[in-house]
Amino acid sequence: MEGDLFSLVNLKDMEIIDANTGTKLGFIKDLKINCDEHRIMSIILPSQTSKMSLFSKNEDIEVPWKDIKKIGVDVILIDGGKLSDKV
């Protein structure tokens, strides 16, 4: 059981990769946590678009925890099928 545990710092240092396309999506920017159930609901990735201005909102990418397929030693594989319009 100890081998399946990861610290938040370790998770944030792992690169996120779409298992369907092999696309590198970056690193975890933030996590959404359900405090009542004590579990991670989703991971937040920085926007992949380079459009950023003083008055525009940067659209981060939210990946539900159920879409995470595998957490390896240094990468996290996700099912990014629903992300194609955001990336």
Protein backbone atom coordinates (compact mmCIF):
# COMPACT_ATOMS: atom_id res chain seq x y z
CA MET A 1 0.00 0.00 0.00
CA GLU A 2 2.87 2.38 0.77
CA GLY A 3 4.01 2.18 -2.89
CA ASP A 4 0.70 3.67 -4.08
CA LEU A 5 1.04 6.86 -2.02
CA PHE A 6 2.32 10.11 -3.51
CA SER A 7 2.89 13.45 -1.85
CA LEU A 8 1.38 16.57 -3.42
CA VAL A 9 4.86 17.91 -4.09
CA ASN A 10 5.77 14.72 -6.00
CA LEU A 11 2.54 14.89 -8.04
CA LYS A 12 3.21 18.51 -9.01
CA ASP A 13 6.68 17.56 -10.28
CA MET A 14 5.32 14.89 -12.66
CA GLU A 15 4.70 15.75 -16.31
CA ILE A 16 1.16 15.18 -17.62
CA ILE A 17 0.93 13.27 -20.91
CA ASP A 18 -2.16 12.45 -22.97
CA ALA A 19 -2.03 8.66 -23.33
CA ASN A 20 -4.06 8.82 -26.59
CA THR A 21 -1.79 11.19 -28.51
CA GLY A 22 1.46 11.30 -26.55
CA THR A 23 1.08 15.07 -26.21
CA LYS A 24 2.92 16.66 -23.30
CA LEU A 25 0.44 18.87 -21.45
CA GLY A 26 2.74 20.32 -18.82
CA PHE A 27 2.75 20.05 -15.06
CA ILE A 28 -0.01 20.24 -12.44
CA LYS A 29 -0.79 23.83 -11.56
CA ASP A 30 -3.36 23.10 -8.86
CA LEU A 31 -5.69 20.44 -7.47
CA LYS A 32 -9.40 20.46 -6.66
CA ILE A 33 -10.01 18.57 -3.44
CA ASN A 34 -13.30 17.49 -1.90
CA CYS A 35 -12.63 18.19 1.77
CA ASP A 36 -15.72 16.28 2.95
CA GLU A 37 -14.67 13.07 1.17
CA HIS A 38 -10.90 13.69 1.59
CA ARG A 39 -10.08 13.00 -2.07
CA ILE A 40 -8.77 14.73 -5.16
CA MET A 41 -11.56 15.58 -7.61
CA SER A 42 -9.47 16.95 -10.49
CA ILE A 43 -6.12 18.34 -11.49
CA ILE A 44 -5.68 21.78 -13.02
CA LEU A 45 -3.20 22.30 -15.87
CA PRO A 46 -2.08 25.65 -17.24
CA SER A 47 -3.66 26.75 -20.51
CA GLN A 48 -1.88 25.55 -23.64
CA THR A 49 -2.70 28.71 -25.60
CA SER A 50 -0.20 31.52 -25.73
CA LYS A 51 -2.93 34.16 -25.89
CA MET A 52 -2.66 36.17 -22.72
CA SER A 53 -3.37 39.82 -22.18
CA LEU A 54 -3.90 42.10 -19.24
CA PHE A 55 -7.68 41.93 -19.53
CA SER A 56 -8.29 38.39 -20.76
CA LYS A 57 -8.82 35.39 -18.54
CA ASN A 58 -6.33 32.57 -18.96
CA GLU A 59 -8.34 29.36 -19.39
CA ASP A 60 -6.81 26.59 -17.32
CA ILE A 61 -7.52 22.96 -18.21
CA GLU A 62 -9.36 20.87 -15.63
CA VAL A 63 -8.85 17.10 -15.83
CA PRO A 64 -11.21 14.96 -13.70
CA TRP A 65 -9.41 12.46 -11.50
CA LYS A 66 -11.31 9.62 -13.20
CA ASP A 67 -9.49 10.49 -16.46
CA ILE A 68 -6.08 9.72 -14.92
CA LYS A 69 -5.06 6.33 -16.28
CA LYS A 70 -1.65 5.73 -14.72
CA ILE A 71 0.71 7.47 -12.32
CA GLY A 72 4.28 6.44 -13.03
CA VAL A 73 7.62 7.33 -11.52
CA ASP A 74 7.90 10.72 -13.24
CA VAL A 75 4.82 11.07 -15.50
CA ILE A 76 1.04 10.95 -15.20
CA LEU A 77 -0.88 9.48 -18.14
CA ILE A 78 -4.37 10.82 -18.72
CA ASP A 79 -7.21 10.08 -21.13
CA GLY A 80 -7.22 13.43 -22.91
CA GLY A 81 -9.96 12.56 -25.39
CA LYS A 82 -12.24 15.28 -24.04
CA LEU A 83 -9.43 17.86 -24.02
CA SER A 84 -8.88 18.09 -27.78
CA ASP A 85 -10.86 21.33 -28.10
CA LYS A 86 -9.03 22.96 -25.16
CA VAL A 87 -5.45 22.05 -26.12
